[in-house]
């Protein structure tokens, strides 16, 4: 009876996944790293259907990263206590091996265990155990993939993180929240009017965004757990481009209440508005540096759109970009060492990356209508919106330009991506 119940739960999991998949982002890998680590992920022992669902997510996560090459494991079912035949796995070309099990518990939950082996050194190098419900199978798989990724690369994995984006279909805009792999998408807001500029709070519990539902741009702060929201900026004219301070207490915003677009600071609850800067040009697209000391922003004060930065405490603005006549949408890497932005070259709008210490710039993409770059929380990938075949899609590129992905929704435009923080 227990087996039947657990298989039934797995059936509900898979059927639910199939239904939701119609509205999910689909991911296509269009480029990979120059050197990929060959890894074998054996089928986990235990409840076959559920275990296969879990291992398929782990495999997909690691392959999608562009840093791993999956080794064929056909016919191999290994639990975490198995003693691997290292010569056999070395012969298959694997440098690393993952084995595990998924067992149904009497209370209806599952216990999942895994172990990571270094095939070359012929030793176990990591492993964990998780207790979870059937609804957390994907989340558990993402956590395992994160742990494997970190152990083998030295960087935190991003498979358990979330992304926000806007789906535009005829007469409808949806602000969506999904797992980093595009699954589990849910609408935080649905409107007949545009929704733009979603920005995650540093703790990942809230989104600030601009909605036109009142026939003008108003900035809202939306609590994702409760679904409740409040107005953060609704002044005369336009209220746009919210950006969170690193401590989550303030927003940098762009207002036209005094004329042209200018930068202001406001508390996250909508109180305490103060002017951040004043210029004769248009200042927009603010972004805090990770240490909270500077605001990076776009301004045409010098005659063409360029990126500047200014101390939050006040002081003179410094121009950052000099190459080309059009550089916009500054986004800082989590460590504050790199700046992603959109540059125009020969009529094409592409994502570029600047090393702030050397001021060296590298164009990362080969598309033509890129916008809204957003760093992954580990700083390795940049998510952005672009256009393919006249349709809005999301894409991601690694900071070295080698790993590339494309994310799309059938029969809809996808725009305004924002990658959330680590959970």
Protein backbone atom coordinates (compact mmCIF):
# COMPACT_ATOMS: atom_id res chain seq x y z
CA UNK A 1 0.00 0.00 0.00
CA UNK A 2 2.83 2.37 0.88
CA UNK A 3 4.39 1.81 -2.53
CA UNK A 4 1.09 2.53 -4.24
CA UNK A 5 0.65 5.81 -2.33
CA UNK A 6 4.19 6.98 -3.11
CA UNK A 7 3.79 6.09 -6.78
CA UNK A 8 0.46 7.92 -6.82
CA UNK A 9 2.16 10.99 -5.37
CA UNK A 10 4.82 10.73 -8.05
CA UNK A 11 2.10 10.49 -10.68
CA UNK A 12 0.48 13.67 -9.40
CA UNK A 13 3.90 15.36 -9.42
CA UNK A 14 4.57 14.41 -13.03
CA UNK A 15 1.05 15.19 -14.25
CA UNK A 16 1.16 18.58 -12.51
CA UNK A 17 4.52 19.29 -14.09
CA UNK A 18 3.13 18.46 -17.51
CA UNK A 19 0.15 20.82 -17.08
CA UNK A 20 2.25 23.72 -15.84
CA UNK A 21 4.82 23.15 -18.59
CA UNK A 22 2.48 24.75 -21.11
CA UNK A 23 3.14 28.13 -19.49
CA UNK A 24 6.80 27.53 -18.63
CA UNK A 25 9.92 29.00 -20.08
CA UNK A 26 11.64 26.48 -22.30
CA UNK A 27 15.44 26.59 -22.27
CA UNK A 28 17.69 25.95 -25.24
CA UNK A 29 21.45 25.69 -24.72
CA UNK A 30 23.20 27.50 -27.58
CA UNK A 31 26.77 27.51 -26.28
CA UNK A 32 28.93 25.77 -23.67
CA UNK A 33 32.20 26.25 -21.85
CA UNK A 34 35.46 25.45 -23.58
CA UNK A 35 36.32 22.76 -21.03
CA UNK A 36 33.55 20.74 -19.43
CA UNK A 37 33.96 18.32 -16.55
CA UNK A 38 32.68 14.83 -17.44
CA UNK A 39 30.25 13.72 -14.73
CA UNK A 40 28.14 10.58 -14.39
CA UNK A 41 24.85 10.83 -12.49
CA UNK A 42 23.58 7.31 -11.95
CA UNK A 43 19.88 6.60 -11.49
CA UNK A 44 19.08 6.88 -7.80
CA UNK A 45 17.90 3.73 -6.06
CA UNK A 46 14.42 3.52 -4.51
CA UNK A 47 11.06 4.69 -5.82
CA UNK A 48 11.73 4.44 -9.55
CA UNK A 49 9.38 7.09 -10.99
CA UNK A 50 10.13 9.70 -8.34
CA UNK A 51 13.85 8.93 -8.33
CA UNK A 52 14.01 9.30 -12.11
CA UNK A 53 12.20 12.63 -11.89
CA UNK A 54 14.73 13.85 -9.33
CA UNK A 55 17.84 12.65 -11.16
CA UNK A 56 16.59 14.12 -14.44
CA UNK A 57 16.46 17.57 -12.82
CA UNK A 58 19.99 17.21 -11.38
CA UNK A 59 21.30 16.19 -14.79
CA UNK A 60 19.50 19.03 -16.56
CA UNK A 61 20.77 21.61 -14.05
CA UNK A 62 24.41 20.61 -14.39
CA UNK A 63 24.27 20.26 -18.17
CA UNK A 64 22.55 23.63 -18.55
CA UNK A 65 25.36 25.32 -16.63
CA UNK A 66 27.65 24.66 -19.60
CA UNK A 67 30.43 23.49 -17.28
CA UNK A 68 29.63 19.76 -17.21
CA UNK A 69 29.49 17.00 -19.81
CA UNK A 70 27.06 14.23 -18.88
CA UNK A 71 28.46 10.72 -19.15
CA UNK A 72 26.12 7.91 -20.24
CA UNK A 73 24.87 5.96 -17.20
CA UNK A 74 22.44 3.63 -18.97
CA UNK A 75 21.64 0.64 -16.79
CA UNK A 76 23.46 1.94 -13.71
CA UNK A 77 21.42 2.24 -10.49
CA UNK A 78 23.63 3.16 -7.52
CA UNK A 79 22.76 4.25 -4.01
CA UNK A 80 24.92 6.44 -1.80
CA UNK A 81 26.43 3.39 -0.06
CA UNK A 82 27.49 1.68 -3.27
CA UNK A 83 31.18 1.08 -3.77
CA UNK A 84 31.79 2.31 -7.32
CA UNK A 85 33.88 0.37 -9.80
CA UNK A 86 36.26 3.24 -10.40
CA UNK A 87 38.04 1.62 -13.38
CA UNK A 88 34.65 1.09 -15.07
CA UNK A 89 33.58 4.71 -14.59
CA UNK A 90 37.00 5.95 -15.62
CA UNK A 91 36.63 3.83 -18.74
CA UNK A 92 33.30 5.51 -19.45
CA UNK A 93 35.11 8.84 -19.34
CA UNK A 94 33.81 10.14 -16.01
CA UNK A 95 35.88 12.33 -13.70
CA UNK A 96 33.06 12.55 -11.13
CA UNK A 97 30.19 10.24 -10.17
CA UNK A 98 26.96 10.89 -8.28
CA UNK A 99 24.95 8.09 -6.66
CA UNK A 100 21.99 8.23 -4.31
CA UNK A 101 18.63 6.94 -3.15
CA UNK A 102 15.11 8.16 -2.61
CA UNK A 103 13.02 6.30 -0.02
CA UNK A 104 9.38 6.80 1.00
CA UNK A 105 8.93 7.39 4.73
CA UNK A 106 5.95 6.21 6.82
CA UNK A 107 4.67 9.79 7.20
CA UNK A 108 4.34 10.22 3.41
CA UNK A 109 7.51 12.21 2.98
CA UNK A 110 10.73 11.13 1.27
CA UNK A 111 14.32 10.85 2.35
CA UNK A 112 16.83 11.57 -0.40
CA UNK A 113 20.53 10.87 0.04
CA UNK A 114 23.39 11.30 -2.37
CA UNK A 115 27.14 10.94 -2.49
CA UNK A 116 29.66 12.53 -4.84
CA UNK A 117 32.74 10.55 -5.85
CA UNK A 118 36.02 11.70 -7.39
CA UNK A 119 36.68 8.97 -9.96
CA UNK A 120 40.29 9.99 -10.58
CA UNK A 121 41.20 9.96 -6.88
CA UNK A 122 38.86 7.02 -6.18
CA UNK A 123 37.26 8.57 -3.12
CA UNK A 124 34.02 10.12 -1.89
CA UNK A 125 34.22 13.91 -1.70
CA UNK A 126 30.77 14.93 -0.47
CA UNK A 127 27.20 13.97 0.26
CA UNK A 128 24.03 15.01 2.06
CA UNK A 129 20.61 13.79 3.17
CA UNK A 130 17.30 15.64 2.72
CA UNK A 131 13.81 14.99 4.05
CA UNK A 132 11.05 16.49 1.91
CA UNK A 133 7.52 16.13 0.60
CA UNK A 134 6.53 15.13 -2.92
CA UNK A 135 6.01 18.81 -3.79
CA UNK A 136 9.68 19.51 -3.01
CA UNK A 137 11.21 16.97 -5.41
CA UNK A 138 12.40 19.60 -7.88
CA UNK A 139 13.58 21.90 -5.09
CA UNK A 140 15.57 19.04 -3.54
CA UNK A 141 17.11 18.18 -6.90
CA UNK A 142 18.14 21.83 -7.34
CA UNK A 143 19.77 21.81 -3.88
CA UNK A 144 21.71 18.66 -4.74
CA UNK A 145 22.82 20.16 -8.06
CA UNK A 146 23.89 23.34 -6.22
CA UNK A 147 25.98 21.31 -3.77
CA UNK A 148 27.63 19.29 -6.55
CA UNK A 149 28.32 22.44 -8.57
CA UNK A 150 29.91 24.20 -5.58
CA UNK A 151 32.04 21.21 -4.62
CA UNK A 152 33.41 20.82 -8.15
CA UNK A 153 33.77 24.47 -9.20
CA UNK A 154 34.31 26.34 -5.93
CA UNK A 155 31.38 28.69 -6.72
CA UNK A 156 27.88 28.69 -5.28
CA UNK A 157 25.31 27.07 -7.53
CA UNK A 158 22.30 29.06 -8.74
CA UNK A 159 19.88 26.25 -9.53
CA UNK A 160 17.75 26.97 -6.43
CA UNK A 161 17.39 30.66 -7.25
CA UNK A 162 14.41 32.30 -8.95
CA UNK A 163 13.86 34.71 -11.80
CA UNK A 164 11.15 37.28 -12.47
CA UNK A 165 10.01 38.31 -15.94
CA UNK A 166 7.01 39.77 -17.75
CA UNK A 167 5.01 37.78 -20.31
CA UNK A 168 3.06 39.84 -22.82
CA UNK A 169 0.22 38.19 -24.73
CA UNK A 170 -2.71 39.87 -26.52
CA UNK A 171 -4.43 42.20 -24.02
CA UNK A 172 -2.58 40.71 -21.05
CA UNK A 173 0.60 41.27 -19.04
CA UNK A 174 1.79 38.82 -16.40
CA UNK A 175 4.58 39.32 -13.89
CA UNK A 176 5.93 35.80 -13.48
CA UNK A 177 8.16 34.19 -10.88
CA UNK A 178 9.90 30.95 -11.84
CA UNK A 179 12.76 28.71 -10.83
CA UNK A 180 16.05 29.47 -12.55
CA UNK A 181 15.38 26.60 -14.97
CA UNK A 182 12.05 28.17 -16.00
CA UNK A 183 9.88 25.66 -14.17
CA UNK A 184 7.35 26.33 -11.42
CA UNK A 185 6.23 29.60 -13.02
CA UNK A 186 3.52 31.48 -11.13
CA UNK A 187 1.95 34.87 -11.80
CA UNK A 188 2.53 37.45 -9.08
CA UNK A 189 0.42 40.02 -10.96
CA UNK A 190 -1.83 39.98 -14.02
CA UNK A 191 -2.93 43.20 -15.71
CA UNK A 192 -4.35 44.57 -18.93
CA UNK A 193 -1.77 47.37 -18.69
CA UNK A 194 2.04 47.16 -18.96
CA UNK A 195 4.23 45.97 -16.09
CA UNK A 196 7.91 46.88 -16.27
CA UNK A 197 11.16 47.05 -14.29
CA UNK A 198 10.78 44.27 -11.69
CA UNK A 199 13.53 44.41 -9.05
CA UNK A 200 14.13 41.85 -6.29
CA UNK A 201 14.63 42.93 -2.71
CA UNK A 202 18.00 41.78 -1.35
CA UNK A 203 16.34 39.10 0.80
CA UNK A 204 14.27 37.76 -2.10
CA UNK A 205 10.91 38.23 -0.35
CA UNK A 206 9.64 41.22 -2.33
CA UNK A 207 9.54 42.69 -5.81
CA UNK A 208 9.41 46.37 -6.68
CA UNK A 209 7.99 47.09 -10.12
CA UNK A 210 6.23 49.70 -12.23
CA UNK A 211 2.58 49.13 -13.18
CA UNK A 212 0.47 51.21 -15.56
CA UNK A 213 -2.83 49.81 -14.26
CA UNK A 214 -3.88 53.28 -13.07
CA UNK A 215 -3.12 54.65 -16.57
CA UNK A 216 0.18 56.13 -15.36
CA UNK A 217 3.46 54.60 -14.15
CA UNK A 218 3.36 53.92 -10.40
CA UNK A 219 5.97 52.03 -8.36
CA UNK A 220 4.70 49.22 -6.13
CA UNK A 221 6.42 46.95 -3.61
CA UNK A 222 4.91 43.46 -3.67
CA UNK A 223 5.32 40.90 -0.88
CA UNK A 224 5.58 37.55 -2.66
CA UNK A 225 4.53 35.33 0.26
CA UNK A 226 1.32 37.19 1.12
CA UNK A 227 0.55 38.73 -2.27
CA UNK A 228 0.00 42.07 -0.56
CA UNK A 229 1.54 45.22 -1.99
CA UNK A 230 1.78 48.92 -1.35
CA UNK A 231 2.56 52.04 -3.37
CA UNK A 232 6.17 53.16 -2.99
CA UNK A 233 6.03 56.11 -5.39
CA UNK A 234 3.03 57.81 -6.95
CA UNK A 235 4.01 61.40 -7.55
CA UNK A 236 2.96 63.78 -10.28
CA UNK A 237 4.18 62.59 -13.66
CA UNK A 238 6.18 59.40 -14.13
CA UNK A 239 7.44 57.10 -11.36
CA UNK A 240 9.87 54.53 -12.71
CA UNK A 241 13.03 52.36 -12.54
CA UNK A 242 13.04 51.20 -8.88
CA UNK A 243 16.32 49.81 -7.52
CA UNK A 244 16.82 48.43 -3.99
CA UNK A 245 19.55 49.55 -1.64
CA UNK A 246 21.70 46.61 -0.42
CA UNK A 247 20.10 46.74 3.03
CA UNK A 248 16.58 46.60 1.57
CA UNK A 249 15.47 49.75 3.35
CA UNK A 250 15.40 52.20 0.44
CA UNK A 251 14.65 52.43 -3.25
CA UNK A 252 16.38 54.60 -5.81
CA UNK A 253 13.66 55.80 -8.20
CA UNK A 254 13.25 58.06 -11.22
CA UNK A 255 10.60 60.78 -11.00
CA UNK A 256 9.47 63.57 -13.32
CA UNK A 257 7.52 65.48 -10.67
CA UNK A 258 9.88 68.46 -10.97
CA UNK A 259 10.33 68.34 -14.75
CA UNK A 260 12.81 66.01 -16.48
CA UNK A 261 13.59 62.51 -15.22
CA UNK A 262 15.74 62.81 -12.10
CA UNK A 263 17.00 60.48 -9.37
CA UNK A 264 15.48 60.28 -5.89
CA UNK A 265 15.68 58.06 -2.82
CA UNK A 266 12.59 56.86 -1.01
CA UNK A 267 12.08 54.48 1.89
CA UNK A 268 10.70 51.10 0.84
CA UNK A 269 7.40 51.95 2.57
CA UNK A 270 7.02 55.06 0.40
CA UNK A 271 8.07 57.62 3.01
CA UNK A 272 11.04 59.96 3.25
CA UNK A 273 11.53 61.10 -0.33
CA UNK A 274 14.83 62.90 -0.97
CA UNK A 275 16.51 64.19 -4.12
CA UNK A 276 19.60 62.18 -4.99
CA UNK A 277 20.99 64.21 -7.88
CA UNK A 278 20.19 67.12 -10.13
CA UNK A 279 21.29 67.68 -13.69
CA UNK A 280 20.24 69.50 -16.82
CA UNK A 281 19.82 66.18 -18.64
CA UNK A 282 17.74 63.04 -18.20
CA UNK A 283 18.98 60.77 -15.40
CA UNK A 284 17.50 57.27 -15.23
CA UNK A 285 18.10 53.54 -14.60
CA UNK A 286 19.73 53.79 -11.15
CA UNK A 287 21.56 50.85 -9.61
CA UNK A 288 23.25 50.67 -6.20
CA UNK A 289 26.77 49.36 -5.92
CA UNK A 290 26.86 46.23 -3.70
CA UNK A 291 28.48 48.18 -0.86
CA UNK A 292 25.75 50.82 -1.02
CA UNK A 293 28.27 53.63 -1.49
CA UNK A 294 27.47 54.58 -5.08
CA UNK A 295 24.57 54.88 -7.48
CA UNK A 296 25.29 53.96 -11.10
CA UNK A 297 22.87 55.45 -13.61
CA UNK A 298 22.27 56.43 -17.23
CA UNK A 299 22.35 60.10 -18.21
CA UNK A 300 22.48 62.16 -21.39
CA UNK A 301 23.98 65.13 -19.57
CA UNK A 302 27.07 64.90 -21.78
CA UNK A 303 25.07 64.92 -25.02
CA UNK A 304 24.56 61.16 -25.49
CA UNK A 305 23.34 58.37 -23.17
CA UNK A 306 26.26 57.22 -21.02
CA UNK A 307 26.76 55.58 -17.64
CA UNK A 308 27.79 57.59 -14.60
CA UNK A 309 28.19 56.96 -10.91
CA UNK A 310 27.69 59.22 -7.95
CA UNK A 311 28.23 58.80 -4.20
CA UNK A 312 24.94 58.14 -2.40
CA UNK A 313 26.06 60.53 0.33
CA UNK A 314 26.37 63.30 -2.27
CA UNK A 315 29.12 64.57 -4.50
CA UNK A 316 30.12 64.92 -8.10
CA UNK A 317 29.01 62.37 -10.71
CA UNK A 318 31.78 60.51 -12.55
CA UNK A 319 31.39 59.27 -16.12
CA UNK A 320 32.12 55.54 -16.47
CA UNK A 321 31.59 54.68 -20.16
CA UNK A 322 33.46 56.41 -22.98
CA UNK A 323 33.50 53.93 -25.86
CA UNK A 324 30.65 54.56 -28.30
CA UNK A 325 27.82 57.07 -28.29
CA UNK A 326 25.18 54.93 -26.55
CA UNK A 327 25.68 52.98 -23.30
CA UNK A 328 22.72 52.37 -20.99
CA UNK A 329 21.24 50.19 -18.20
CA UNK A 330 24.14 49.73 -15.76
CA UNK A 331 24.04 46.56 -13.65
CA UNK A 332 26.72 45.68 -11.12
CA UNK A 333 28.02 42.17 -10.49
CA UNK A 334 27.41 40.89 -6.93
CA UNK A 335 31.09 41.46 -6.03
CA UNK A 336 31.02 44.98 -7.49
CA UNK A 337 33.96 44.32 -9.81
CA UNK A 338 32.11 44.21 -13.13
CA UNK A 339 29.52 46.34 -14.86
CA UNK A 340 27.07 44.89 -17.37
CA UNK A 341 25.28 47.31 -19.68
CA UNK A 342 23.72 47.65 -23.12
CA UNK A 343 25.84 49.25 -25.82
CA UNK A 344 24.98 50.22 -29.38
CA UNK A 345 27.34 49.15 -32.13
CA UNK A 346 26.44 49.63 -35.78
CA UNK A 347 22.76 49.92 -34.95
CA UNK A 348 22.79 46.74 -32.84
CA UNK A 349 22.04 46.79 -29.12
CA UNK A 350 24.15 44.23 -27.31
CA UNK A 351 25.13 43.28 -23.76
CA UNK A 352 28.65 44.36 -22.82
CA UNK A 353 30.76 43.81 -19.72
CA UNK A 354 33.28 46.21 -18.20
CA UNK A 355 35.98 45.32 -15.71
CA UNK A 356 35.76 48.34 -13.43
CA UNK A 357 39.41 48.16 -12.33
CA UNK A 358 40.88 48.15 -15.84
CA UNK A 359 37.89 49.73 -17.65
CA UNK A 360 38.27 47.03 -20.33
CA UNK A 361 35.01 46.30 -22.19
CA UNK A 362 33.94 43.03 -23.83
CA UNK A 363 30.76 42.65 -25.90
CA UNK A 364 29.21 39.32 -24.87
CA UNK A 365 26.31 38.80 -27.27
CA UNK A 366 25.77 38.57 -31.01
CA UNK A 367 22.08 39.56 -30.98
CA UNK A 368 20.73 42.97 -32.02
CA UNK A 369 18.00 44.09 -29.63
CA UNK A 370 19.27 43.30 -26.14
CA UNK A 371 17.92 45.02 -23.04
CA UNK A 372 17.51 44.63 -19.25
CA UNK A 373 20.70 42.74 -18.22
CA UNK A 374 20.61 41.08 -14.79
CA UNK A 375 23.42 39.18 -13.03
CA UNK A 376 22.97 35.76 -11.48
CA UNK A 377 23.68 35.91 -7.73
CA UNK A 378 27.02 34.12 -8.15
CA UNK A 379 28.05 36.60 -10.83
CA UNK A 380 28.79 33.96 -13.48
CA UNK A 381 25.79 34.49 -15.80
CA UNK A 382 23.87 37.50 -17.13
CA UNK A 383 20.18 37.18 -17.94
CA UNK A 384 18.75 39.63 -20.48
CA UNK A 385 15.86 40.21 -22.87
CA UNK A 386 16.29 40.20 -26.62
CA UNK A 387 14.34 39.59 -29.80
CA UNK A 388 14.47 36.56 -32.08
CA UNK A 389 12.26 36.36 -35.15
CA UNK A 390 10.28 39.39 -34.02
CA UNK A 391 9.45 37.74 -30.69
CA UNK A 392 10.65 38.78 -27.25
CA UNK A 393 12.69 36.06 -25.53
CA UNK A 394 15.05 35.86 -22.60
CA UNK A 395 18.65 34.79 -22.98
CA UNK A 396 21.58 34.20 -20.70
CA UNK A 397 25.30 34.49 -21.32
CA UNK A 398 28.29 33.72 -19.12
CA UNK A 399 30.65 36.54 -18.22
CA UNK A 400 33.28 35.05 -20.54
CA UNK A 401 30.75 34.98 -23.39
CA UNK A 402 31.08 31.22 -24.01
CA UNK A 403 28.02 29.74 -22.30
CA UNK A 404 24.73 30.81 -23.88
CA UNK A 405 21.09 29.91 -23.30
CA UNK A 406 17.77 31.01 -24.72
CA UNK A 407 14.50 31.01 -22.76
CA UNK A 408 11.13 31.45 -24.43
CA UNK A 409 7.40 31.00 -23.91
CA UNK A 410 5.27 29.68 -26.77
CA UNK A 411 3.08 32.31 -28.48
CA UNK A 412 4.08 35.17 -26.15
CA UNK A 413 6.66 37.92 -25.74
CA UNK A 414 8.93 37.63 -22.70
CA UNK A 415 10.62 40.76 -21.34
CA UNK A 416 11.95 42.54 -18.25
CA UNK A 417 14.02 39.77 -16.63
CA UNK A 418 15.40 40.04 -13.10
CA UNK A 419 17.47 37.31 -11.43
CA UNK A 420 16.70 36.91 -7.75
CA UNK A 421 19.23 36.58 -4.92
CA UNK A 422 20.41 33.41 -3.22
CA UNK A 423 17.64 31.92 -1.08
